[in-house]
Every structure is written in structure tokens, then in C-alpha cells.
N, C-alpha and C. Protein backbone atom coordinates (compact mmCIF):
# COMPACT_ATOMS: atom_id res chain seq x y z
N MET A 1 0.77 -1.12 -0.06
CA MET A 1 0.00 -0.10 -0.13
C MET A 1 0.82 1.16 0.19
N TRP A 2 0.29 2.27 -0.66
CA TRP A 2 1.04 3.55 -0.55
C TRP A 2 0.22 4.71 0.21
N VAL A 3 1.10 5.86 0.61
CA VAL A 3 0.46 6.74 1.06
C VAL A 3 1.49 8.04 0.67
N PHE A 4 0.69 9.18 0.33
CA PHE A 4 1.10 10.35 -0.13
C PHE A 4 1.25 11.52 1.01
N GLY A 5 2.35 11.84 1.35
CA GLY A 5 2.76 13.21 2.47
C GLY A 5 3.04 14.45 1.62
N TYR A 6 2.50 15.46 1.82
CA TYR A 6 2.81 16.75 1.54
C TYR A 6 3.15 17.74 2.36
N GLY A 7 3.24 17.58 3.74
CA GLY A 7 3.43 18.49 4.95
C GLY A 7 4.18 17.71 5.81
N SER A 8 3.88 17.59 7.15
CA SER A 8 4.71 17.15 8.19
C SER A 8 4.92 15.59 7.98
N LEU A 9 3.99 15.10 7.32
CA LEU A 9 4.35 13.51 7.07
C LEU A 9 5.49 13.29 6.34
N MET A 10 5.87 14.26 5.54
CA MET A 10 7.21 14.03 4.90
C MET A 10 8.55 14.06 5.64
N TRP A 11 8.58 14.55 6.82
CA TRP A 11 9.53 14.66 7.49
C TRP A 11 9.66 14.32 9.02
N ASP A 12 8.68 13.77 9.61
CA ASP A 12 8.67 13.55 11.14
C ASP A 12 8.96 11.97 11.57
N GLY A 13 9.19 11.04 10.63
CA GLY A 13 9.39 9.98 10.70
C GLY A 13 8.24 8.98 11.19
N TRP A 14 7.07 9.42 10.90
CA TRP A 14 5.84 8.47 11.42
C TRP A 14 5.87 7.27 10.77
N GLU A 15 6.33 6.91 9.52
CA GLU A 15 6.30 5.57 8.87
C GLU A 15 7.23 4.59 9.36
N GLN A 16 8.22 4.99 10.01
CA GLN A 16 9.32 3.92 10.32
C GLN A 16 8.90 2.86 11.50
N PRO A 17 8.05 3.23 12.44
CA PRO A 17 7.50 1.96 13.28
C PRO A 17 6.47 1.03 12.53
N LEU A 18 5.97 1.59 11.33
CA LEU A 18 5.14 0.58 10.67
C LEU A 18 5.89 -0.02 9.43
N GLY A 19 7.18 0.21 9.27
CA GLY A 19 7.91 -0.55 8.24
C GLY A 19 7.74 0.29 6.97
N GLY A 20 7.52 1.60 7.00
CA GLY A 20 7.27 2.21 5.69
C GLY A 20 8.66 2.50 5.01
N LEU A 21 8.63 2.68 3.89
CA LEU A 21 9.88 3.15 2.79
C LEU A 21 9.41 4.31 2.18
N ARG A 22 10.13 5.34 2.39
CA ARG A 22 9.74 6.73 1.61
C ARG A 22 10.71 6.64 0.28
N ILE A 23 10.05 7.47 -0.53
CA ILE A 23 10.42 7.90 -1.82
C ILE A 23 10.06 9.37 -1.93
N ASP A 24 11.12 10.28 -1.95
CA ASP A 24 10.91 11.61 -2.01
C ASP A 24 10.85 12.07 -3.40
N GLY A 25 10.21 13.06 -3.61
CA GLY A 25 9.98 13.74 -5.03
C GLY A 25 8.89 13.18 -5.77
N ALA A 26 8.10 12.56 -5.11
CA ALA A 26 6.66 12.05 -5.84
C ALA A 26 5.76 13.12 -6.04
N VAL A 27 4.98 13.22 -6.86
CA VAL A 27 4.08 14.19 -7.46
C VAL A 27 2.62 13.93 -7.52
N LEU A 28 1.83 14.67 -6.94
CA LEU A 28 0.55 14.55 -6.90
C LEU A 28 -0.22 15.58 -7.83
N THR A 29 -0.81 15.31 -8.99
CA THR A 29 -1.16 16.41 -9.93
C THR A 29 -2.73 16.61 -9.59
N GLY A 30 -3.22 17.79 -9.98
CA GLY A 30 -4.63 18.45 -9.64
C GLY A 30 -4.75 18.90 -8.24
N PHE A 31 -3.90 19.02 -7.61
CA PHE A 31 -3.98 19.58 -6.28
C PHE A 31 -2.71 20.67 -6.01
N ARG A 32 -2.75 21.49 -4.85
CA ARG A 32 -1.66 22.26 -4.38
C ARG A 32 -2.09 22.41 -2.91
N ARG A 33 -0.80 22.82 -2.34
CA ARG A 33 -0.80 22.99 -0.97
C ARG A 33 -1.38 24.32 -0.75
N SER A 34 -2.31 24.39 0.28
CA SER A 34 -3.05 25.47 0.82
C SER A 34 -3.03 25.66 2.34
N PHE A 35 -2.97 26.70 2.79
CA PHE A 35 -3.28 26.91 4.28
C PHE A 35 -4.76 27.18 4.53
N ASN A 36 -5.55 26.06 4.21
CA ASN A 36 -7.08 26.21 4.08
C ASN A 36 -7.89 25.48 5.09
N LYS A 37 -7.20 25.05 6.15
CA LYS A 37 -7.97 24.42 7.24
C LYS A 37 -7.72 24.96 8.70
N GLN A 38 -8.73 25.41 9.43
CA GLN A 38 -8.49 25.98 10.43
C GLN A 38 -8.19 25.05 11.50
N SER A 39 -7.18 25.53 12.66
CA SER A 39 -6.99 24.67 13.61
C SER A 39 -7.22 25.43 14.82
N VAL A 40 -8.08 24.71 15.78
CA VAL A 40 -8.64 25.18 16.77
C VAL A 40 -8.09 24.69 18.15
N THR A 41 -6.96 23.83 17.99
CA THR A 41 -6.50 23.07 19.16
C THR A 41 -4.76 23.34 19.21
N ASN A 42 -4.20 22.78 17.98
CA ASN A 42 -2.75 22.83 17.92
C ASN A 42 -2.17 24.23 17.60
N TRP A 43 -2.60 24.94 16.68
CA TRP A 43 -2.25 26.09 16.36
C TRP A 43 -3.00 27.53 16.19
N GLY A 44 -4.06 27.10 17.17
CA GLY A 44 -4.92 28.14 17.19
C GLY A 44 -6.16 27.76 18.17
N THR A 45 -7.25 28.80 18.38
CA THR A 45 -8.19 28.35 19.35
C THR A 45 -9.49 28.69 18.63
N SER A 46 -10.72 28.20 19.26
CA SER A 46 -11.98 28.61 18.69
C SER A 46 -12.28 30.03 18.44
N ASN A 47 -11.69 30.83 19.40
CA ASN A 47 -11.80 32.31 19.38
C ASN A 47 -10.57 32.95 18.21
N GLY A 48 -9.55 32.07 18.13
CA GLY A 48 -8.46 32.63 17.28
C GLY A 48 -8.10 31.51 16.50
N PRO A 49 -8.81 30.86 15.47
CA PRO A 49 -8.37 29.73 14.55
C PRO A 49 -6.95 30.26 13.81
N GLY A 50 -6.11 29.16 13.63
CA GLY A 50 -5.06 29.29 13.06
C GLY A 50 -5.01 28.52 11.37
N PRO A 51 -4.90 29.05 10.44
CA PRO A 51 -4.63 28.28 9.12
C PRO A 51 -3.45 27.09 9.08
N THR A 52 -4.08 26.15 8.92
CA THR A 52 -3.06 25.15 8.78
C THR A 52 -3.00 24.38 7.41
N LEU A 53 -2.11 23.54 7.06
CA LEU A 53 -1.94 23.03 5.55
C LEU A 53 -3.22 21.84 5.11
N GLY A 54 -3.56 22.09 4.24
CA GLY A 54 -4.34 20.95 3.53
C GLY A 54 -4.02 21.24 2.14
N LEU A 55 -4.81 20.40 1.34
CA LEU A 55 -4.80 20.55 -0.16
C LEU A 55 -5.97 21.09 -0.78
N GLU A 56 -5.69 21.73 -1.85
CA GLU A 56 -6.81 22.36 -2.60
C GLU A 56 -6.86 22.19 -3.96
N PRO A 57 -7.95 21.64 -4.62
CA PRO A 57 -7.90 21.20 -5.91
C PRO A 57 -7.43 22.40 -6.98
N ARG A 58 -6.57 22.06 -7.96
CA ARG A 58 -6.27 22.97 -8.88
C ARG A 58 -6.15 22.26 -10.32
N GLN A 59 -6.76 22.60 -11.27
CA GLN A 59 -6.76 21.79 -12.50
C GLN A 59 -5.38 21.47 -13.00
N ALA A 60 -4.48 22.58 -12.93
CA ALA A 60 -2.97 22.47 -13.49
C ALA A 60 -2.10 22.24 -12.30
N GLY A 61 -2.62 21.99 -11.06
CA GLY A 61 -1.79 22.06 -9.83
C GLY A 61 -0.81 20.77 -9.80
N LYS A 62 0.12 21.09 -9.08
CA LYS A 62 1.14 19.96 -8.87
C LYS A 62 1.69 20.19 -7.45
N CYS A 63 1.68 19.00 -6.74
CA CYS A 63 2.23 19.08 -5.27
C CYS A 63 3.35 18.09 -5.23
N ILE A 64 4.55 18.45 -5.07
CA ILE A 64 5.62 17.68 -4.67
C ILE A 64 5.79 17.15 -3.32
N GLY A 65 5.93 16.01 -2.90
CA GLY A 65 5.84 15.44 -1.71
C GLY A 65 6.54 14.13 -1.60
N THR A 66 6.11 13.21 -0.89
CA THR A 66 6.87 11.92 -0.38
C THR A 66 5.74 10.89 -0.61
N ALA A 67 6.16 9.59 -1.13
CA ALA A 67 5.13 8.48 -1.19
C ALA A 67 5.75 7.65 -0.13
N PHE A 68 5.14 6.89 0.60
CA PHE A 68 5.47 5.93 1.56
C PHE A 68 4.89 4.64 1.23
N SER A 69 5.80 3.63 1.01
CA SER A 69 5.19 2.40 0.77
C SER A 69 5.31 1.34 2.01
N PHE A 70 4.07 0.68 2.17
CA PHE A 70 4.02 0.04 3.46
C PHE A 70 3.76 -1.51 2.97
N PRO A 71 4.04 -2.43 3.79
CA PRO A 71 3.52 -3.65 3.65
C PRO A 71 2.01 -3.80 3.71
N ASP A 72 1.46 -4.59 2.89
CA ASP A 72 -0.18 -4.74 3.04
C ASP A 72 -0.61 -5.14 4.42
N LYS A 73 0.18 -5.95 5.13
CA LYS A 73 -0.43 -6.51 6.30
C LYS A 73 -0.26 -5.01 7.20
N THR A 74 -0.03 -4.12 6.99
CA THR A 74 0.06 -3.01 8.07
C THR A 74 -1.08 -1.94 7.70
N ARG A 75 -1.84 -2.09 6.57
CA ARG A 75 -2.75 -1.23 6.29
C ARG A 75 -3.88 -0.82 7.31
N THR A 76 -4.29 -1.49 7.94
CA THR A 76 -5.24 -1.15 9.10
C THR A 76 -4.49 -0.28 10.11
N ALA A 77 -3.41 -0.63 10.40
CA ALA A 77 -2.51 0.33 11.49
C ALA A 77 -2.12 1.49 10.74
N VAL A 78 -1.80 1.77 9.53
CA VAL A 78 -1.46 2.85 8.79
C VAL A 78 -2.74 3.58 8.69
N VAL A 79 -3.83 3.20 8.25
CA VAL A 79 -4.92 3.99 8.30
C VAL A 79 -5.49 4.39 9.42
N ASN A 80 -5.52 3.63 10.60
CA ASN A 80 -5.83 4.06 11.85
C ASN A 80 -4.98 5.28 12.24
N LEU A 81 -3.69 5.14 11.99
CA LEU A 81 -2.84 6.15 12.76
C LEU A 81 -3.16 7.46 11.80
N LEU A 82 -3.24 7.55 10.70
CA LEU A 82 -3.54 8.71 9.68
C LEU A 82 -4.95 9.27 10.15
N THR A 83 -5.81 8.27 10.41
CA THR A 83 -7.20 9.03 10.70
C THR A 83 -7.03 9.69 11.99
N ARG A 84 -6.21 9.18 13.00
CA ARG A 84 -6.19 10.00 14.28
C ARG A 84 -5.52 11.07 14.23
N ARG A 85 -4.20 11.22 13.26
CA ARG A 85 -3.39 12.00 13.23
C ARG A 85 -4.00 13.38 12.55
N GLU A 86 -4.56 13.07 11.37
CA GLU A 86 -5.14 14.26 10.50
C GLU A 86 -6.54 14.55 11.11
N GLY A 87 -7.22 13.97 11.65
CA GLY A 87 -8.54 14.49 12.42
C GLY A 87 -9.63 13.97 11.30
N PRO A 88 -10.99 14.38 11.96
CA PRO A 88 -12.22 14.33 11.38
C PRO A 88 -12.55 14.94 9.97
N SER A 89 -11.73 16.06 9.98
CA SER A 89 -11.92 16.87 8.77
C SER A 89 -11.12 16.32 7.45
N PHE A 90 -10.39 15.34 7.64
CA PHE A 90 -9.77 14.84 6.51
C PHE A 90 -10.20 13.64 6.16
N ALA A 91 -10.32 13.49 4.64
CA ALA A 91 -10.59 11.99 4.01
C ALA A 91 -9.24 11.36 3.77
N LEU A 92 -9.08 10.01 3.73
CA LEU A 92 -8.17 9.39 3.14
C LEU A 92 -8.57 8.88 1.58
N ILE A 93 -8.12 9.58 0.58
CA ILE A 93 -8.61 9.36 -0.69
C ILE A 93 -7.26 8.83 -1.50
N GLU A 94 -7.80 7.68 -2.30
CA GLU A 94 -6.73 7.12 -3.17
C GLU A 94 -6.66 8.11 -4.38
N LEU A 95 -5.40 8.51 -4.65
CA LEU A 95 -5.20 9.27 -5.70
C LEU A 95 -3.88 8.89 -6.48
N PRO A 96 -3.84 9.09 -7.86
CA PRO A 96 -2.59 8.84 -8.43
C PRO A 96 -1.39 9.57 -8.14
N VAL A 97 -0.35 9.14 -7.95
CA VAL A 97 0.92 9.66 -7.65
C VAL A 97 1.98 9.14 -8.56
N LEU A 98 2.75 10.11 -9.18
CA LEU A 98 3.94 10.05 -10.06
C LEU A 98 5.13 9.81 -9.20
N LEU A 99 5.87 8.84 -9.32
CA LEU A 99 7.07 8.60 -8.57
C LEU A 99 8.32 8.96 -9.38
N PRO A 100 9.42 9.26 -8.71
CA PRO A 100 10.59 9.86 -9.53
C PRO A 100 10.90 8.88 -10.53
N ASP A 101 10.85 7.60 -10.57
CA ASP A 101 11.35 6.72 -11.45
C ASP A 101 10.22 6.40 -12.53
N GLY A 102 9.18 7.38 -12.71
CA GLY A 102 8.12 7.25 -13.82
C GLY A 102 6.99 6.42 -13.48
N ARG A 103 6.93 5.69 -12.55
CA ARG A 103 5.86 4.69 -12.26
C ARG A 103 4.83 5.69 -11.66
N GLU A 104 3.63 5.20 -12.03
CA GLU A 104 2.39 5.89 -11.38
C GLU A 104 1.80 4.84 -10.42
N ILE A 105 1.47 5.24 -9.16
CA ILE A 105 0.85 4.64 -8.03
C ILE A 105 -0.42 5.19 -7.53
N ILE A 106 -1.13 4.38 -6.78
CA ILE A 106 -2.30 4.87 -6.09
C ILE A 106 -1.99 4.94 -4.68
N ALA A 107 -2.14 6.21 -4.17
CA ALA A 107 -1.69 6.45 -2.93
C ALA A 107 -2.88 7.08 -1.87
N LEU A 108 -3.03 6.69 -0.63
CA LEU A 108 -3.87 7.37 0.16
C LEU A 108 -3.21 8.47 0.41
N THR A 109 -4.21 9.71 0.54
CA THR A 109 -3.68 11.09 0.42
C THR A 109 -4.72 11.67 1.32
N PRO A 110 -4.02 12.29 2.56
CA PRO A 110 -5.12 12.98 3.35
C PRO A 110 -5.56 14.34 2.78
N VAL A 111 -6.66 14.45 2.46
CA VAL A 111 -7.39 15.43 1.74
C VAL A 111 -8.31 16.13 2.51
N ASN A 112 -8.38 17.54 2.98
CA ASN A 112 -9.48 18.00 3.85
C ASN A 112 -10.73 18.17 3.05
N ASP A 113 -11.68 18.05 3.92
CA ASP A 113 -13.21 17.69 3.51
C ASP A 113 -13.69 19.44 3.24
N ARG A 114 -13.84 19.84 2.10
CA ARG A 114 -14.19 21.26 1.83
C ARG A 114 -15.71 21.55 2.34
N SER A 115 -16.26 20.57 2.59
CA SER A 115 -17.70 20.98 3.07
C SER A 115 -17.82 21.04 4.66
N LYS A 116 -16.72 20.79 5.36
CA LYS A 116 -16.47 20.94 6.81
C LYS A 116 -16.49 22.30 7.34
N SER A 117 -16.75 22.51 8.59
CA SER A 117 -16.56 23.86 9.06
C SER A 117 -15.29 24.27 9.22
N THR A 118 -14.47 23.48 9.27
CA THR A 118 -13.01 23.69 9.56
C THR A 118 -12.30 24.23 8.24
N TYR A 119 -12.89 24.13 7.09
CA TYR A 119 -12.44 24.51 5.77
C TYR A 119 -12.47 26.18 5.50
N ILE A 120 -11.42 26.73 5.11
CA ILE A 120 -11.36 28.22 5.20
C ILE A 120 -10.74 28.70 4.04
N GLY A 121 -10.54 27.72 2.98
CA GLY A 121 -10.08 28.13 1.68
C GLY A 121 -10.79 29.26 0.92
N ASN A 122 -12.13 29.33 1.40
CA ASN A 122 -12.95 30.52 0.86
C ASN A 122 -12.63 31.75 1.27
N VAL A 123 -11.67 31.89 2.55
CA VAL A 123 -11.53 33.18 3.16
C VAL A 123 -10.24 33.68 2.31
N SER A 124 -10.26 34.99 1.99
CA SER A 124 -9.24 35.62 1.26
C SER A 124 -7.78 35.12 1.89
N LEU A 125 -6.81 35.26 1.03
CA LEU A 125 -5.45 34.94 1.53
C LEU A 125 -4.98 35.95 2.60
N LYS A 126 -5.14 37.00 2.34
CA LYS A 126 -4.92 38.29 3.25
C LYS A 126 -5.52 38.01 4.73
N LYS A 127 -6.72 37.48 4.60
CA LYS A 127 -7.47 37.48 5.84
C LYS A 127 -6.90 36.25 6.62
N ARG A 128 -6.69 35.11 5.98
CA ARG A 128 -5.97 33.94 6.44
C ARG A 128 -4.75 34.40 7.04
N ALA A 129 -3.82 35.09 6.45
CA ALA A 129 -2.48 35.44 6.74
C ALA A 129 -2.66 36.33 8.21
N ALA A 130 -3.77 37.28 8.25
CA ALA A 130 -3.99 37.93 9.35
C ALA A 130 -4.20 37.00 10.69
N MET A 131 -5.11 35.90 10.14
CA MET A 131 -5.50 35.12 11.28
C MET A 131 -4.14 34.23 11.86
N ALA A 132 -3.29 34.00 10.71
CA ALA A 132 -2.05 33.47 11.39
C ALA A 132 -1.01 34.03 12.16
N LYS A 133 -1.23 35.55 12.02
CA LYS A 133 -0.15 36.37 12.80
C LYS A 133 -0.58 36.19 14.28
N THR A 134 -1.80 36.06 14.60
CA THR A 134 -2.46 36.29 15.89
C THR A 134 -2.65 34.93 16.53
N ALA A 135 -2.77 33.83 15.64
CA ALA A 135 -3.23 32.62 16.32
C ALA A 135 -2.33 31.93 17.23
N ARG A 136 -2.88 31.35 18.07
CA ARG A 136 -1.80 30.60 18.81
C ARG A 136 -2.54 29.48 19.76
N GLY A 137 -1.90 28.02 19.43
CA GLY A 137 -2.60 27.15 20.10
C GLY A 137 -1.81 26.16 20.99
N ASN A 138 -2.08 25.01 21.37
CA ASN A 138 -1.25 24.27 22.35
C ASN A 138 0.11 23.93 22.03
N LYS A 139 0.45 23.89 20.64
CA LYS A 139 1.54 23.55 19.99
C LYS A 139 2.59 24.79 19.81
N GLY A 140 1.73 26.22 20.05
CA GLY A 140 2.41 27.26 19.70
C GLY A 140 1.85 28.16 18.84
N ALA A 141 2.83 29.15 18.26
CA ALA A 141 2.23 30.24 17.27
C ALA A 141 1.93 29.55 15.92
N CYS A 142 0.99 29.86 15.36
CA CYS A 142 0.57 29.66 13.92
C CYS A 142 1.61 30.05 13.00
N ALA A 143 2.11 31.31 13.33
CA ALA A 143 3.16 31.74 12.27
C ALA A 143 4.27 30.81 12.35
N ASP A 144 4.71 30.41 13.48
CA ASP A 144 5.83 29.50 13.50
C ASP A 144 5.57 28.43 12.89
N TYR A 145 4.41 27.73 12.94
CA TYR A 145 4.07 26.42 12.12
C TYR A 145 4.40 26.91 10.79
N ILE A 146 3.91 27.92 10.13
CA ILE A 146 3.76 28.27 8.60
C ILE A 146 5.21 28.72 8.27
N ARG A 147 6.22 29.20 9.15
CA ARG A 147 7.54 29.52 8.79
C ARG A 147 8.30 28.34 8.73
N ASN A 148 7.98 27.13 9.69
CA ASN A 148 8.47 25.88 9.85
C ASN A 148 8.26 25.08 8.39
N ILE A 149 6.88 25.01 7.87
CA ILE A 149 6.76 24.43 6.59
C ILE A 149 7.47 24.86 5.54
N TYR A 150 7.38 26.35 5.62
CA TYR A 150 8.05 27.05 4.35
C TYR A 150 9.46 26.69 4.57
N LYS A 151 10.41 26.74 5.60
CA LYS A 151 11.86 26.37 5.68
C LYS A 151 11.94 24.88 5.37
N LYS A 152 11.04 24.04 5.92
CA LYS A 152 11.33 22.80 5.65
C LYS A 152 11.21 22.29 4.14
N LEU A 153 10.20 22.83 3.21
CA LEU A 153 10.19 22.76 2.12
C LEU A 153 11.25 23.22 1.26
N ASP A 154 11.69 24.52 1.74
CA ASP A 154 12.88 24.91 0.99
C ASP A 154 14.22 24.09 1.35
N SER A 155 14.33 23.54 2.49
CA SER A 155 15.70 22.73 2.91
C SER A 155 15.46 21.38 1.90
N LEU A 156 14.45 21.05 1.72
CA LEU A 156 14.38 19.91 0.81
C LEU A 156 14.24 20.04 -0.78
N GLY A 157 14.45 21.23 -1.09
CA GLY A 157 14.45 21.73 -2.45
C GLY A 157 13.11 21.64 -3.15
N ILE A 158 12.19 21.68 -2.39
CA ILE A 158 10.81 21.75 -3.14
C ILE A 158 10.15 23.00 -3.26
N PRO A 159 10.07 23.55 -4.52
CA PRO A 159 9.63 24.95 -4.80
C PRO A 159 8.06 24.80 -4.53
N ASP A 160 7.31 25.55 -3.90
CA ASP A 160 6.10 25.80 -3.78
C ASP A 160 5.55 27.15 -3.60
N SER A 161 5.31 28.02 -4.74
CA SER A 161 4.81 29.51 -4.80
C SER A 161 3.64 29.69 -3.90
N ASP A 162 2.76 28.92 -3.63
CA ASP A 162 1.53 29.07 -2.77
C ASP A 162 2.19 28.99 -1.42
N VAL A 163 3.02 28.50 -0.88
CA VAL A 163 3.46 28.48 0.56
C VAL A 163 4.22 29.47 0.60
N GLU A 164 5.06 29.80 -0.26
CA GLU A 164 5.98 31.07 -0.48
C GLU A 164 5.19 32.37 -0.22
N GLU A 165 4.13 32.33 -0.95
CA GLU A 165 3.33 33.62 -1.05
C GLU A 165 2.55 33.76 0.33
N PHE A 166 2.20 32.80 0.76
CA PHE A 166 1.48 32.87 2.17
C PHE A 166 2.49 33.09 3.31
N TRP A 167 3.59 32.78 3.28
CA TRP A 167 4.72 32.91 4.19
C TRP A 167 5.06 34.47 4.27
N THR A 168 5.11 35.01 2.90
CA THR A 168 5.44 36.30 2.82
C THR A 168 4.31 37.11 3.39
N LEU A 169 2.96 36.73 3.18
CA LEU A 169 1.94 37.51 3.86
C LEU A 169 2.11 37.51 5.30
N VAL A 170 2.35 36.37 5.86
CA VAL A 170 2.31 36.15 7.26
C VAL A 170 3.50 37.05 7.86
N ARG A 171 4.55 37.15 7.21
CA ARG A 171 5.65 37.76 8.03
C ARG A 171 5.87 39.37 7.65
N SER A 172 4.77 39.77 6.78
CA SER A 172 4.97 41.17 6.36
C SER A 172 4.10 42.00 7.56
């Protein structure tokens, strides 16, 4: 089985206890990263939600991330872990992902449900940036979360103009 990661799944080692093997540079087409999900616990509160990373459909979109391969016998454990980790506003959807060697695989991908109240992709980018500047949750300041995403993608050599634009708005 395969899983596609586009944020913290790419770098925090979650796959290791489950026997996962990582392949960096995998590409999911038809989507882009977006800070379009409000956090009311980790990076914000119900009174001051913080925008966190999700996927947004985009016809010509391309999201570079990491594909993880797991033994089929670990499927239930992987799905349970991802369901707990990503939360009830995300669905695990099977999507085609292109590996660096040219193979196309089908990977479970956490995609935020745009019909849930946590979806804020319909809020202007400037307003979401203003939210991020003041939001703080039990894991810290939302602005730090966004800066860390930006820096980690940069250190991995993954260009992402949407993340760069959002980080520029947040730090201005």
C-alpha cells in the first residue's frame, strides 16, 4: 500500500514504526498545498483559529511530496494512525501519484473535506494571513508553524509558490 505526504508527514518519521519506505520527489497532480484548514487546538483556538496545511484542487496543480510504501499487512494500522493524526475533517482518498522513476501508483492521501466547518479556503489569503499572525494553540504560534513548513520545504529543495506567497503575507 502507498501513502502520499505533502506536509509534516514528509519529515517526522511517522512511517518508521510501521515498516514504511519513503520515496521523496513524488508528484500529486490536480492539487496544490494551501493553508485552508483552521486549527482550533494545535495552532489556534476556537476564538482565534490558525490556518494549517491542506490540499486544494487546482486543475493544473502539482504538489511535490513523499510517497511511502508499506507492507499490505500494515494497512489497518496505517489507516488508523493517519485517521487519528489528520483528524475528522480529512478523508484518506486514493489518488494517482507519479514516482521519480516514472511509475504511477495509487496512494492514500489526506485531503481536507471542503464541506466541513474547518475549511477556510474560501476566506481571502490576506485574511488567513492575518489570522495566522495572531493565532496560538497548544503547540505554539501559528506563524511559527507556517514558517517551519516554508523552511522545511525549502531545505528539501521543493519549490512551492503558494506556500512562499502565504509565508510572505504572514511575515509582512
